[in-house]
């Protein structure tokens, strides 16, 4: 007698995407500006599969959403999932959503937006909806602004969706609009034309919430404060000049432009004592240019250096906690269907 063992194969939708670092032009993405940004190797992984109830889990714990008020923002690390589900009105969804990330938390590297991109794409795929990446980026921005109440620019939504090394042009997107009225940003991949990326990215350990930083600046800009309006116009012009310098590998010029970018932004809103100290240390130890890699008040700097070992050593001695690498070939949001056996337990990829 032959015994036949039936093994149930559970299919899971797995989505991965990357964080990002701003090379030049930030933070003008929320003001109709221009930027150059690059993905980093640190990623978010989101999985979703069928379940008897709605379960969400990450490295901070596990929640079961049963009642309507369970979907309201709670100020914890599950609010990203709650916001996506509220936007899609999926209050009766039966699924398990698991999130893993090795992007430093609140470090100005788009960790929360990458999580939003991953969750949004995973849930949409699970319910059978598919959109182009431009539309996904705009959906991300709508949810972040209106459902998470986070006043950020468009850079993170586009970078975590598209991935890679990109020239980003947000002209015509100075003011938030309804989704059907938004124009798409210009996303120009630069990785086919760039052989070298001589940058060091150091995390100082300072945590921030980018919405807290952007909101008062947004109010100053809307009110027409001359220093902010003219400063952001100049930073956007600097980014457009930076594109030429990057493509021509004119590192002296690009370093000068990065320094100018930081000087203007720091004069508009203090970048923070420790961040400015790290930038100073980098410039004194081989860096041609250095600035914040994300929003002000957060703890990651990017330094253009042709002497990386010297610069890294000095930054470590100055207290840099982590270093991250750029990934110009990241594909952004990648959706796959895999077997459950290929998925590990929810948690963070620890440094």
C-alpha atoms as a PDB file:
ATOM      1  CA  UNK A   1       0.000   0.000   0.000  1.00  0.00           C
ATOM      2  CA  UNK A   2       1.437   3.336  -1.041  1.00  0.00           C
ATOM      3  CA  UNK A   3       1.058   6.273   1.341  1.00  0.00           C
ATOM      4  CA  UNK A   4       0.668   9.582  -0.434  1.00  0.00           C
ATOM      5  CA  UNK A   5       1.535  12.628   1.612  1.00  0.00           C
ATOM      6  CA  UNK A   6      -0.125  15.827   0.489  1.00  0.00           C
ATOM      7  CA  UNK A   7       1.888  18.916   1.291  1.00  0.00           C
ATOM      8  CA  UNK A   8       0.012  22.180   1.233  1.00  0.00           C
ATOM      9  CA  UNK A   9       2.017  24.911  -0.486  1.00  0.00           C
ATOM     10  CA  UNK A  10       1.149  28.374   0.778  1.00  0.00           C
ATOM     11  CA  UNK A  11       1.936  31.147  -1.660  1.00  0.00           C
ATOM     12  CA  UNK A  12       3.012  34.489  -0.328  1.00  0.00           C
ATOM     13  CA  UNK A  13       3.358  37.858  -2.052  1.00  0.00           C
ATOM     14  CA  UNK A  14       6.746  39.344  -1.226  1.00  0.00           C
ATOM     15  CA  UNK A  15       7.648  42.963  -1.937  1.00  0.00           C
ATOM     16  CA  UNK A  16      11.070  44.537  -1.464  1.00  0.00           C
ATOM     17  CA  UNK A  17      12.198  48.124  -1.856  1.00  0.00           C
ATOM     18  CA  UNK A  18      15.096  50.341  -0.783  1.00  0.00           C
ATOM     19  CA  UNK A  19      15.736  53.436   1.265  1.00  0.00           C
ATOM     20  CA  UNK A  20      17.425  56.436  -0.352  1.00  0.00           C
ATOM     21  CA  UNK A  21      20.012  59.151   0.186  1.00  0.00           C
ATOM     22  CA  UNK A  22      19.714  62.644  -1.277  1.00  0.00           C
ATOM     23  CA  UNK A  23      22.891  63.647  -3.104  1.00  0.00           C
ATOM     24  CA  UNK A  24      21.944  67.199  -3.969  1.00  0.00           C
ATOM     25  CA  UNK A  25      18.863  69.401  -4.183  1.00  0.00           C
ATOM     26  CA  UNK A  26      17.074  68.447  -0.986  1.00  0.00           C
ATOM     27  CA  UNK A  27      14.729  69.550   0.427  1.00  0.00           C
ATOM     28  CA  UNK A  28      13.252  71.262  -2.661  1.00  0.00           C
ATOM     29  CA  UNK A  29      11.188  68.222  -3.689  1.00  0.00           C
ATOM     30  CA  UNK A  30       8.247  69.649  -1.767  1.00  0.00           C
ATOM     31  CA  UNK A  31       8.562  73.054  -3.408  1.00  0.00           C
ATOM     32  CA  UNK A  32       8.617  72.347  -7.141  1.00  0.00           C
ATOM     33  CA  UNK A  33      12.365  71.820  -7.067  1.00  0.00           C
ATOM     34  CA  UNK A  34      14.931  69.426  -8.484  1.00  0.00           C
ATOM     35  CA  UNK A  35      17.057  66.710  -6.892  1.00  0.00           C
ATOM     36  CA  UNK A  36      19.516  63.933  -7.480  1.00  0.00           C
ATOM     37  CA  UNK A  37      19.063  60.952  -5.175  1.00  0.00           C
ATOM     38  CA  UNK A  38      20.239  57.354  -5.009  1.00  0.00           C
ATOM     39  CA  UNK A  39      18.892  54.179  -3.436  1.00  0.00           C
ATOM     40  CA  UNK A  40      20.806  52.573  -0.599  1.00  0.00           C
ATOM     41  CA  UNK A  41      21.446  48.866  -0.068  1.00  0.00           C
ATOM     42  CA  UNK A  42      19.305  48.805   3.067  1.00  0.00           C
ATOM     43  CA  UNK A  43      15.853  47.437   2.292  1.00  0.00           C
ATOM     44  CA  UNK A  44      12.338  46.837   3.496  1.00  0.00           C
ATOM     45  CA  UNK A  45      10.652  43.479   2.872  1.00  0.00           C
ATOM     46  CA  UNK A  46       6.881  43.131   3.144  1.00  0.00           C
ATOM     47  CA  UNK A  47       5.012  39.842   2.824  1.00  0.00           C
ATOM     48  CA  UNK A  48       1.281  39.181   2.721  1.00  0.00           C
ATOM     49  CA  UNK A  49      -0.668  35.945   2.658  1.00  0.00           C
ATOM     50  CA  UNK A  50      -4.133  34.650   3.479  1.00  0.00           C
ATOM     51  CA  UNK A  51      -5.098  34.299   7.132  1.00  0.00           C
ATOM     52  CA  UNK A  52      -8.196  33.785   9.290  1.00  0.00           C
ATOM     53  CA  UNK A  53      -7.927  37.318  10.677  1.00  0.00           C
ATOM     54  CA  UNK A  54      -6.045  40.536   9.940  1.00  0.00           C
ATOM     55  CA  UNK A  55      -2.588  40.278  11.489  1.00  0.00           C
ATOM     56  CA  UNK A  56       0.237  42.785  11.146  1.00  0.00           C
ATOM     57  CA  UNK A  57       3.713  42.140  12.512  1.00  0.00           C
ATOM     58  CA  UNK A  58       7.182  43.660  12.488  1.00  0.00           C
ATOM     59  CA  UNK A  59      10.298  43.709  14.688  1.00  0.00           C
ATOM     60  CA  UNK A  60       8.429  45.750  17.289  1.00  0.00           C
ATOM     61  CA  UNK A  61       5.592  43.292  17.825  1.00  0.00           C
ATOM     62  CA  UNK A  62       2.336  41.905  16.505  1.00  0.00           C
ATOM     63  CA  UNK A  63      -1.204  43.289  16.259  1.00  0.00           C
ATOM     64  CA  UNK A  64      -4.579  41.868  15.294  1.00  0.00           C
ATOM     65  CA  UNK A  65      -6.984  44.414  13.810  1.00  0.00           C
ATOM     66  CA  UNK A  66     -10.586  43.504  14.559  1.00  0.00           C
ATOM     67  CA  UNK A  67     -12.598  46.648  15.222  1.00  0.00           C
ATOM     68  CA  UNK A  68     -12.953  49.838  13.197  1.00  0.00           C
ATOM     69  CA  UNK A  69     -11.001  51.920  15.717  1.00  0.00           C
ATOM     70  CA  UNK A  70      -8.096  49.452  15.478  1.00  0.00           C
ATOM     71  CA  UNK A  71      -7.407  51.090  12.106  1.00  0.00           C
ATOM     72  CA  UNK A  72      -6.925  54.579  13.572  1.00  0.00           C
ATOM     73  CA  UNK A  73      -3.363  55.872  13.931  1.00  0.00           C
ATOM     74  CA  UNK A  74      -1.897  54.886  17.307  1.00  0.00           C
ATOM     75  CA  UNK A  75       1.486  56.625  17.060  1.00  0.00           C
ATOM     76  CA  UNK A  76       3.346  53.326  16.785  1.00  0.00           C
ATOM     77  CA  UNK A  77       5.227  51.429  14.089  1.00  0.00           C
ATOM     78  CA  UNK A  78       2.027  49.879  12.704  1.00  0.00           C
ATOM     79  CA  UNK A  79       0.482  53.166  11.573  1.00  0.00           C
ATOM     80  CA  UNK A  80       1.873  52.762   8.046  1.00  0.00           C
ATOM     81  CA  UNK A  81      -0.191  49.588   7.570  1.00  0.00           C
ATOM     82  CA  UNK A  82      -3.247  51.139   9.201  1.00  0.00           C
ATOM     83  CA  UNK A  83      -3.036  54.143   6.864  1.00  0.00           C
ATOM     84  CA  UNK A  84      -2.854  51.980   3.737  1.00  0.00           C
ATOM     85  CA  UNK A  85      -5.792  49.840   4.852  1.00  0.00           C
ATOM     86  CA  UNK A  86      -7.890  52.907   5.710  1.00  0.00           C
ATOM     87  CA  UNK A  87      -7.158  54.486   2.338  1.00  0.00           C
ATOM     88  CA  UNK A  88      -8.204  51.285   0.539  1.00  0.00           C
ATOM     89  CA  UNK A  89     -11.128  50.749   2.966  1.00  0.00           C
ATOM     90  CA  UNK A  90     -10.037  47.169   3.636  1.00  0.00           C
ATOM     91  CA  UNK A  91     -11.559  46.840   7.099  1.00  0.00           C
ATOM     92  CA  UNK A  92     -12.620  43.227   6.542  1.00  0.00           C
ATOM     93  CA  UNK A  93      -9.362  42.009   4.972  1.00  0.00           C
ATOM     94  CA  UNK A  94      -8.229  38.571   6.125  1.00  0.00           C
ATOM     95  CA  UNK A  95      -4.466  38.427   5.754  1.00  0.00           C
ATOM     96  CA  UNK A  96      -1.152  38.396   7.574  1.00  0.00           C
ATOM     97  CA  UNK A  97       1.150  41.315   6.717  1.00  0.00           C
ATOM     98  CA  UNK A  98       4.753  40.996   7.888  1.00  0.00           C
ATOM     99  CA  UNK A  99       7.428  43.701   7.650  1.00  0.00           C
ATOM    100  CA  UNK A 100      11.210  43.482   7.973  1.00  0.00           C
ATOM    101  CA  UNK A 101      13.625  46.368   7.565  1.00  0.00           C
ATOM    102  CA  UNK A 102      17.302  47.140   8.013  1.00  0.00           C
ATOM    103  CA  UNK A 103      16.952  50.863   7.210  1.00  0.00           C
ATOM    104  CA  UNK A 104      17.983  52.870  10.293  1.00  0.00           C
ATOM    105  CA  UNK A 105      14.854  54.186  12.003  1.00  0.00           C
ATOM    106  CA  UNK A 106      14.089  57.918  11.652  1.00  0.00           C
ATOM    107  CA  UNK A 107      17.502  58.540  10.102  1.00  0.00           C
ATOM    108  CA  UNK A 108      16.498  60.663   7.107  1.00  0.00           C
ATOM    109  CA  UNK A 109      16.877  57.692   4.735  1.00  0.00           C
ATOM    110  CA  UNK A 110      13.175  57.263   3.856  1.00  0.00           C
ATOM    111  CA  UNK A 111      12.663  54.187   6.014  1.00  0.00           C
ATOM    112  CA  UNK A 112       9.004  54.889   6.798  1.00  0.00           C
ATOM    113  CA  UNK A 113       8.211  55.807   3.187  1.00  0.00           C
ATOM    114  CA  UNK A 114       9.934  52.645   1.953  1.00  0.00           C
ATOM    115  CA  UNK A 115       7.733  50.673   4.337  1.00  0.00           C
ATOM    116  CA  UNK A 116       4.697  52.489   2.962  1.00  0.00           C
ATOM    117  CA  UNK A 117       5.755  51.694  -0.622  1.00  0.00           C
ATOM    118  CA  UNK A 118       6.233  48.038   0.264  1.00  0.00           C
ATOM    119  CA  UNK A 119       2.949  47.673   2.157  1.00  0.00           C
ATOM    120  CA  UNK A 120       0.965  49.533  -0.503  1.00  0.00           C
ATOM    121  CA  UNK A 121       2.330  47.406  -3.352  1.00  0.00           C
ATOM    122  CA  UNK A 122       1.878  44.175  -1.388  1.00  0.00           C
ATOM    123  CA  UNK A 123      -1.739  44.897  -0.450  1.00  0.00           C
ATOM    124  CA  UNK A 124      -2.646  46.089  -3.949  1.00  0.00           C
ATOM    125  CA  UNK A 125      -1.149  42.937  -5.444  1.00  0.00           C
ATOM    126  CA  UNK A 126      -3.013  40.802  -2.883  1.00  0.00           C
ATOM    127  CA  UNK A 127      -6.384  42.296  -3.866  1.00  0.00           C
ATOM    128  CA  UNK A 128      -5.553  42.092  -7.591  1.00  0.00           C
ATOM    129  CA  UNK A 129      -4.932  45.753  -8.427  1.00  0.00           C
ATOM    130  CA  UNK A 130      -1.986  46.925 -10.487  1.00  0.00           C
ATOM    131  CA  UNK A 131      -0.747  50.447 -11.238  1.00  0.00           C
ATOM    132  CA  UNK A 132       2.251  51.953 -13.001  1.00  0.00           C
ATOM    133  CA  UNK A 133       5.080  53.197 -10.790  1.00  0.00           C
ATOM    134  CA  UNK A 134       4.234  56.871 -11.266  1.00  0.00           C
ATOM    135  CA  UNK A 135       0.723  56.259  -9.984  1.00  0.00           C
ATOM    136  CA  UNK A 136       2.068  54.156  -7.097  1.00  0.00           C
ATOM    137  CA  UNK A 137       4.396  56.995  -6.073  1.00  0.00           C
ATOM    138  CA  UNK A 138       1.518  59.464  -6.105  1.00  0.00           C
ATOM    139  CA  UNK A 139      -0.693  57.066  -4.114  1.00  0.00           C
ATOM    140  CA  UNK A 140       2.120  56.801  -1.588  1.00  0.00           C
ATOM    141  CA  UNK A 141       2.273  60.573  -1.274  1.00  0.00           C
ATOM    142  CA  UNK A 142      -1.499  60.913  -0.827  1.00  0.00           C
ATOM    143  CA  UNK A 143      -1.512  58.331   1.970  1.00  0.00           C
ATOM    144  CA  UNK A 144       1.533  59.818   3.691  1.00  0.00           C
ATOM    145  CA  UNK A 145       0.069  63.325   3.625  1.00  0.00           C
ATOM    146  CA  UNK A 146      -3.612  62.705   4.295  1.00  0.00           C
ATOM    147  CA  UNK A 147      -3.657  59.492   6.305  1.00  0.00           C
ATOM    148  CA  UNK A 148      -0.359  59.668   8.198  1.00  0.00           C
ATOM    149  CA  UNK A 149      -0.441  63.488   8.445  1.00  0.00           C
ATOM    150  CA  UNK A 150       3.190  63.706   7.391  1.00  0.00           C
ATOM    151  CA  UNK A 151       4.239  66.885   5.555  1.00  0.00           C
ATOM    152  CA  UNK A 152       7.015  65.628   3.289  1.00  0.00           C
ATOM    153  CA  UNK A 153       8.066  66.237  -0.292  1.00  0.00           C
ATOM    154  CA  UNK A 154       7.705  63.885  -3.233  1.00  0.00           C
ATOM    155  CA  UNK A 155      11.276  62.570  -3.328  1.00  0.00           C
ATOM    156  CA  UNK A 156      10.825  59.664  -0.926  1.00  0.00           C
ATOM    157  CA  UNK A 157       7.641  58.394  -2.568  1.00  0.00           C
ATOM    158  CA  UNK A 158       9.267  58.395  -5.997  1.00  0.00           C
ATOM    159  CA  UNK A 159      12.667  57.054  -4.919  1.00  0.00           C
ATOM    160  CA  UNK A 160      11.310  54.157  -2.860  1.00  0.00           C
ATOM    161  CA  UNK A 161       9.010  53.241  -5.749  1.00  0.00           C
ATOM    162  CA  UNK A 162      11.430  53.606  -8.666  1.00  0.00           C
ATOM    163  CA  UNK A 163      14.795  52.912  -7.026  1.00  0.00           C
ATOM    164  CA  UNK A 164      18.188  53.586  -8.630  1.00  0.00           C
ATOM    165  CA  UNK A 165      20.189  56.761  -9.186  1.00  0.00           C
ATOM    166  CA  UNK A 166      17.824  59.424 -10.467  1.00  0.00           C
ATOM    167  CA  UNK A 167      17.559  63.035 -11.505  1.00  0.00           C
ATOM    168  CA  UNK A 168      14.162  64.107 -10.180  1.00  0.00           C
ATOM    169  CA  UNK A 169      12.311  67.177 -11.404  1.00  0.00           C
ATOM    170  CA  UNK A 170       9.252  68.277  -9.445  1.00  0.00           C
ATOM    171  CA  UNK A 171       8.447  71.519 -11.240  1.00  0.00           C
ATOM    172  CA  UNK A 172       4.689  71.983 -11.388  1.00  0.00           C
ATOM    173  CA  UNK A 173       4.273  70.140  -8.075  1.00  0.00           C
ATOM    174  CA  UNK A 174       4.723  73.090  -5.733  1.00  0.00           C
ATOM    175  CA  UNK A 175       1.343  72.569  -4.074  1.00  0.00           C
ATOM    176  CA  UNK A 176      -0.358  69.321  -3.079  1.00  0.00           C
ATOM    177  CA  UNK A 177      -3.361  68.471  -5.236  1.00  0.00           C
ATOM    178  CA  UNK A 178      -6.020  65.806  -5.394  1.00  0.00           C
ATOM    179  CA  UNK A 179      -4.692  62.571  -6.895  1.00  0.00           C
ATOM    180  CA  UNK A 180      -6.511  62.997 -10.214  1.00  0.00           C
ATOM    181  CA  UNK A 181      -5.067  66.504 -10.584  1.00  0.00           C
ATOM    182  CA  UNK A 182      -1.436  65.721  -9.783  1.00  0.00           C
ATOM    183  CA  UNK A 183       1.032  65.722 -12.657  1.00  0.00           C
ATOM    184  CA  UNK A 184       3.743  63.068 -12.664  1.00  0.00           C
ATOM    185  CA  UNK A 185       7.281  64.037 -11.713  1.00  0.00           C
ATOM    186  CA  UNK A 186      10.200  63.586 -14.107  1.00  0.00           C
ATOM    187  CA  UNK A 187      12.347  60.593 -13.178  1.00  0.00           C
ATOM    188  CA  UNK A 188      15.544  60.347 -15.248  1.00  0.00           C
ATOM    189  CA  UNK A 189      17.789  57.347 -14.461  1.00  0.00           C
ATOM    190  CA  UNK A 190      21.459  58.342 -14.366  1.00  0.00           C
ATOM    191  CA  UNK A 191      23.089  55.009 -13.478  1.00  0.00           C
ATOM    192  CA  UNK A 192      23.818  54.072 -17.144  1.00  0.00           C
ATOM    193  CA  UNK A 193      26.003  57.178 -17.414  1.00  0.00           C
ATOM    194  CA  UNK A 194      27.766  57.196 -14.041  1.00  0.00           C
ATOM    195  CA  UNK A 195      30.722  54.911 -13.397  1.00  0.00           C
ATOM    196  CA  UNK A 196      31.771  56.216  -9.982  1.00  0.00           C
ATOM    197  CA  UNK A 197      29.864  57.291  -6.898  1.00  0.00           C
ATOM    198  CA  UNK A 198      32.594  58.429  -4.472  1.00  0.00           C
ATOM    199  CA  UNK A 199      30.283  59.025  -1.516  1.00  0.00           C
ATOM    200  CA  UNK A 200      30.360  58.061   2.137  1.00  0.00           C
ATOM    201  CA  UNK A 201      27.050  58.023   4.043  1.00  0.00           C
ATOM    202  CA  UNK A 202      27.253  58.182   7.830  1.00  0.00           C
ATOM    203  CA  UNK A 203      24.412  57.928  10.339  1.00  0.00           C
ATOM    204  CA  UNK A 204      25.001  60.003  13.460  1.00  0.00           C
ATOM    205  CA  UNK A 205      22.446  58.159  15.553  1.00  0.00           C
ATOM    206  CA  UNK A 206      20.098  61.133  15.821  1.00  0.00           C
ATOM    207  CA  UNK A 207      16.456  60.238  15.208  1.00  0.00           C
ATOM    208  CA  UNK A 208      13.858  62.598  13.801  1.00  0.00           C
ATOM    209  CA  UNK A 209      10.378  62.674  12.320  1.00  0.00           C
ATOM    210  CA  UNK A 210      10.605  64.295   8.903  1.00  0.00           C
ATOM    211  CA  UNK A 211       7.055  65.621   9.103  1.00  0.00           C
ATOM    212  CA  UNK A 212       7.998  67.652  12.180  1.00  0.00           C
ATOM    213  CA  UNK A 213      10.847  69.231  10.218  1.00  0.00           C
ATOM    214  CA  UNK A 214       8.938  69.920   7.001  1.00  0.00           C
ATOM    215  CA  UNK A 215       5.737  71.380   8.419  1.00  0.00           C
ATOM    216  CA  UNK A 216       7.128  74.687   9.800  1.00  0.00           C
ATOM    217  CA  UNK A 217       9.278  75.148   6.683  1.00  0.00           C
ATOM    218  CA  UNK A 218       6.234  74.550   4.517  1.00  0.00           C
ATOM    219  CA  UNK A 219       4.336  77.223   6.406  1.00  0.00           C
ATOM    220  CA  UNK A 220       7.202  79.696   5.975  1.00  0.00           C
ATOM    221  CA  UNK A 221       7.365  78.959   2.238  1.00  0.00           C
ATOM    222  CA  UNK A 222       3.596  79.265   1.733  1.00  0.00           C
ATOM    223  CA  UNK A 223       3.639  82.576   3.573  1.00  0.00           C
ATOM    224  CA  UNK A 224       6.230  83.769   1.053  1.00  0.00           C
ATOM    225  CA  UNK A 225       9.165  84.249   3.402  1.00  0.00           C
ATOM    226  CA  UNK A 226      11.802  85.596   1.028  1.00  0.00           C
ATOM    227  CA  UNK A 227      14.727  83.689   2.512  1.00  0.00           C
ATOM    228  CA  UNK A 228      12.949  80.352   2.114  1.00  0.00           C
ATOM    229  CA  UNK A 229      11.456  81.010  -1.344  1.00  0.00           C
ATOM    230  CA  UNK A 230      14.680  82.344  -2.860  1.00  0.00           C
ATOM    231  CA  UNK A 231      16.832  79.805  -1.020  1.00  0.00           C
ATOM    232  CA  UNK A 232      14.898  76.848  -2.382  1.00  0.00           C
ATOM    233  CA  UNK A 233      14.943  78.276  -5.889  1.00  0.00           C
ATOM    234  CA  UNK A 234      18.734  78.525  -5.635  1.00  0.00           C
ATOM    235  CA  UNK A 235      19.072  74.968  -4.279  1.00  0.00           C
ATOM    236  CA  UNK A 236      16.980  73.649  -7.187  1.00  0.00           C
ATOM    237  CA  UNK A 237      19.296  75.489  -9.615  1.00  0.00           C
ATOM    238  CA  UNK A 238      22.279  73.985  -7.778  1.00  0.00           C
ATOM    239  CA  UNK A 239      20.857  70.482  -8.313  1.00  0.00           C
ATOM    240  CA  UNK A 240      20.497  71.056 -12.049  1.00  0.00           C
ATOM    241  CA  UNK A 241      24.134  72.175 -12.183  1.00  0.00           C
ATOM    242  CA  UNK A 242      25.005  69.158 -10.048  1.00  0.00           C
ATOM    243  CA  UNK A 243      23.666  66.798 -12.694  1.00  0.00           C
ATOM    244  CA  UNK A 244      26.281  68.033 -15.166  1.00  0.00           C
ATOM    245  CA  UNK A 245      29.066  67.835 -12.581  1.00  0.00           C
ATOM    246  CA  UNK A 246      28.096  64.263 -11.625  1.00  0.00           C
ATOM    247  CA  UNK A 247      27.911  63.040 -15.224  1.00  0.00           C
ATOM    248  CA  UNK A 248      31.248  64.702 -16.061  1.00  0.00           C
ATOM    249  CA  UNK A 249      32.821  63.367 -12.825  1.00  0.00           C
ATOM    250  CA  UNK A 250      33.796  66.919 -11.959  1.00  0.00           C
ATOM    251  CA  UNK A 251      34.133  66.154  -8.272  1.00  0.00           C
ATOM    252  CA  UNK A 252      35.529  69.533  -7.277  1.00  0.00           C
ATOM    253  CA  UNK A 253      32.491  71.268  -8.779  1.00  0.00           C
ATOM    254  CA  UNK A 254      30.010  68.777  -7.343  1.00  0.00           C
ATOM    255  CA  UNK A 255      31.609  69.095  -3.909  1.00  0.00           C
ATOM    256  CA  UNK A 256      31.339  72.876  -4.111  1.00  0.00           C
ATOM    257  CA  UNK A 257      27.658  72.624  -5.079  1.00  0.00           C
ATOM    258  CA  UNK A 258      26.910  70.184  -2.246  1.00  0.00           C
ATOM    259  CA  UNK A 259      28.522  72.577   0.235  1.00  0.00           C
ATOM    260  CA  UNK A 260      26.510  75.459  -1.163  1.00  0.00           C
ATOM    261  CA  UNK A 261      23.324  73.372  -0.891  1.00  0.00           C
ATOM    262  CA  UNK A 262      24.051  72.726   2.778  1.00  0.00           C
ATOM    263  CA  UNK A 263      25.023  76.323   3.507  1.00  0.00           C
ATOM    264  CA  UNK A 264      21.715  77.633   2.174  1.00  0.00           C
ATOM    265  CA  UNK A 265      19.589  75.018   3.909  1.00  0.00           C
ATOM    266  CA  UNK A 266      21.412  75.428   7.206  1.00  0.00           C
ATOM    267  CA  UNK A 267      20.834  79.193   7.068  1.00  0.00           C
ATOM    268  CA  UNK A 268      17.106  78.605   6.559  1.00  0.00           C
ATOM    269  CA  UNK A 269      16.729  75.945   9.257  1.00  0.00           C
ATOM    270  CA  UNK A 270      19.495  74.793  11.585  1.00  0.00           C
ATOM    271  CA  UNK A 271      20.622  71.301  10.570  1.00  0.00           C
ATOM    272  CA  UNK A 272      21.538  70.359  14.116  1.00  0.00           C
ATOM    273  CA  UNK A 273      24.760  70.608  16.099  1.00  0.00           C
ATOM    274  CA  UNK A 274      25.835  66.988  15.701  1.00  0.00           C
ATOM    275  CA  UNK A 275      25.015  66.893  11.987  1.00  0.00           C
ATOM    276  CA  UNK A 276      26.999  70.067  11.362  1.00  0.00           C
ATOM    277  CA  UNK A 277      29.863  68.699  13.446  1.00  0.00           C
ATOM    278  CA  UNK A 278      29.960  65.515  11.332  1.00  0.00           C
ATOM    279  CA  UNK A 279      29.897  67.586   8.134  1.00  0.00           C
ATOM    280  CA  UNK A 280      32.804  69.668   9.468  1.00  0.00           C
ATOM    281  CA  UNK A 281      34.794  66.531  10.347  1.00  0.00           C
ATOM    282  CA  UNK A 282      34.206  65.080   6.864  1.00  0.00           C
ATOM    283  CA  UNK A 283      35.359  68.287   5.157  1.00  0.00           C
ATOM    284  CA  UNK A 284      38.489  68.388   7.313  1.00  0.00           C
ATOM    285  CA  UNK A 285      39.315  64.794   6.420  1.00  0.00           C
ATOM    286  CA  UNK A 286      39.288  64.438   2.668  1.00  0.00           C
ATOM    287  CA  UNK A 287      35.708  65.284   1.700  1.00  0.00           C
ATOM    288  CA  UNK A 288      35.216  67.782  -1.119  1.00  0.00           C
ATOM    289  CA  UNK A 289      31.595  68.304  -0.169  1.00  0.00           C
ATOM    290  CA  UNK A 290      29.218  67.210   2.583  1.00  0.00           C
ATOM    291  CA  UNK A 291      25.581  67.803   3.463  1.00  0.00           C
ATOM    292  CA  UNK A 292      22.536  66.147   4.945  1.00  0.00           C
ATOM    293  CA  UNK A 293      21.340  63.046   3.105  1.00  0.00           C
ATOM    294  CA  UNK A 294      17.725  63.729   4.025  1.00  0.00           C
ATOM    295  CA  UNK A 295      15.558  66.092   5.993  1.00  0.00           C
ATOM    296  CA  UNK A 296      17.078  68.448   8.532  1.00  0.00           C
ATOM    297  CA  UNK A 297      17.066  67.490  12.180  1.00  0.00           C
ATOM    298  CA  UNK A 298      17.787  63.871  11.237  1.00  0.00           C
ATOM    299  CA  UNK A 299      21.044  62.107  11.561  1.00  0.00           C
ATOM    300  CA  UNK A 300      22.571  61.087   8.239  1.00  0.00           C
ATOM    301  CA  UNK A 301      25.167  62.972   6.213  1.00  0.00           C
ATOM    302  CA  UNK A 302      26.541  62.261   2.739  1.00  0.00           C
ATOM    303  CA  UNK A 303      30.136  63.198   1.942  1.00  0.00           C
ATOM    304  CA  UNK A 304      31.808  63.314  -1.467  1.00  0.00           C
ATOM    305  CA  UNK A 305      35.331  62.038  -0.879  1.00  0.00           C
ATOM    306  CA  UNK A 306      38.186  60.671  -2.961  1.00  0.00           C
ATOM    307  CA  UNK A 307      39.822  59.471   0.270  1.00  0.00           C
ATOM    308  CA  UNK A 308      37.081  57.247   1.707  1.00  0.00           C
ATOM    309  CA  UNK A 309      39.228  55.400   4.262  1.00  0.00           C
ATOM    310  CA  UNK A 310      40.455  58.652   5.779  1.00  0.00           C
ATOM    311  CA  UNK A 311      36.984  60.176   5.838  1.00  0.00           C
ATOM    312  CA  UNK A 312      35.328  57.070   7.322  1.00  0.00           C
ATOM    313  CA  UNK A 313      38.008  56.746  10.026  1.00  0.00           C
ATOM    314  CA  UNK A 314      37.525  60.364  11.090  1.00  0.00           C
ATOM    315  CA  UNK A 315      33.730  60.054  11.135  1.00  0.00           C
ATOM    316  CA  UNK A 316      33.907  56.886  13.228  1.00  0.00           C
ATOM    317  CA  UNK A 317      36.172  58.628  15.732  1.00  0.00           C
ATOM    318  CA  UNK A 318      33.704  61.533  15.779  1.00  0.00           C
ATOM    319  CA  UNK A 319      30.862  59.203  16.751  1.00  0.00           C
ATOM    320  CA  UNK A 320      29.212  58.012  13.541  1.00  0.00           C
ATOM    321  CA  UNK A 321      27.196  54.927  14.469  1.00  0.00           C
ATOM    322  CA  UNK A 322      26.513  53.320  11.101  1.00  0.00           C
ATOM    323  CA  UNK A 323      27.544  53.613   7.463  1.00  0.00           C
ATOM    324  CA  UNK A 324      25.310  52.707   4.535  1.00  0.00           C
ATOM    325  CA  UNK A 325      26.163  52.018   0.891  1.00  0.00           C
ATOM    326  CA  UNK A 326      24.552  53.396  -2.228  1.00  0.00           C
ATOM    327  CA  UNK A 327      22.804  51.065  -4.675  1.00  0.00           C
ATOM    328  CA  UNK A 328      22.384  52.817  -8.037  1.00  0.00           C
ATOM    329  CA  UNK A 329      20.953  49.640  -9.610  1.00  0.00           C
ATOM    330  CA  UNK A 330      18.113  49.104  -7.160  1.00  0.00           C
ATOM    331  CA  UNK A 331      14.849  48.374  -8.975  1.00  0.00           C
ATOM    332  CA  UNK A 332      12.713  50.045  -6.341  1.00  0.00           C
ATOM    333  CA  UNK A 333       9.478  48.177  -5.641  1.00  0.00           C
ATOM    334  CA  UNK A 334       9.788  44.521  -6.695  1.00  0.00           C
ATOM    335  CA  UNK A 335       6.748  42.233  -6.333  1.00  0.00           C
ATOM    336  CA  UNK A 336       7.166  38.443  -6.328  1.00  0.00           C
ATOM    337  CA  UNK A 337       5.051  35.422  -5.503  1.00  0.00           C
ATOM    338  CA  UNK A 338       7.001  32.873  -3.438  1.00  0.00           C
ATOM    339  CA  UNK A 339       6.385  29.838  -1.257  1.00  0.00           C
ATOM    340  CA  UNK A 340       5.983  30.413   2.474  1.00  0.00           C
ATOM    341  CA  UNK A 341       9.085  28.307   3.170  1.00  0.00           C
ATOM    342  CA  UNK A 342      11.187  31.016   1.517  1.00  0.00           C
ATOM    343  CA  UNK A 343      10.044  33.633   4.037  1.00  0.00           C
ATOM    344  CA  UNK A 344      11.796  34.068   7.382  1.00  0.00           C
ATOM    345  CA  UNK A 345      10.220  35.247  10.591  1.00  0.00           C
ATOM    346  CA  UNK A 346       9.253  38.895  10.849  1.00  0.00           C
ATOM    347  CA  UNK A 347      11.998  41.051  12.280  1.00  0.00           C
ATOM    348  CA  UNK A 348      14.754  43.459  11.414  1.00  0.00           C
ATOM    349  CA  UNK A 349      17.963  42.741   9.600  1.00  0.00           C
ATOM    350  CA  UNK A 350      20.192  43.906  12.437  1.00  0.00           C
ATOM    351  CA  UNK A 351      23.377  45.910  11.884  1.00  0.00           C
END
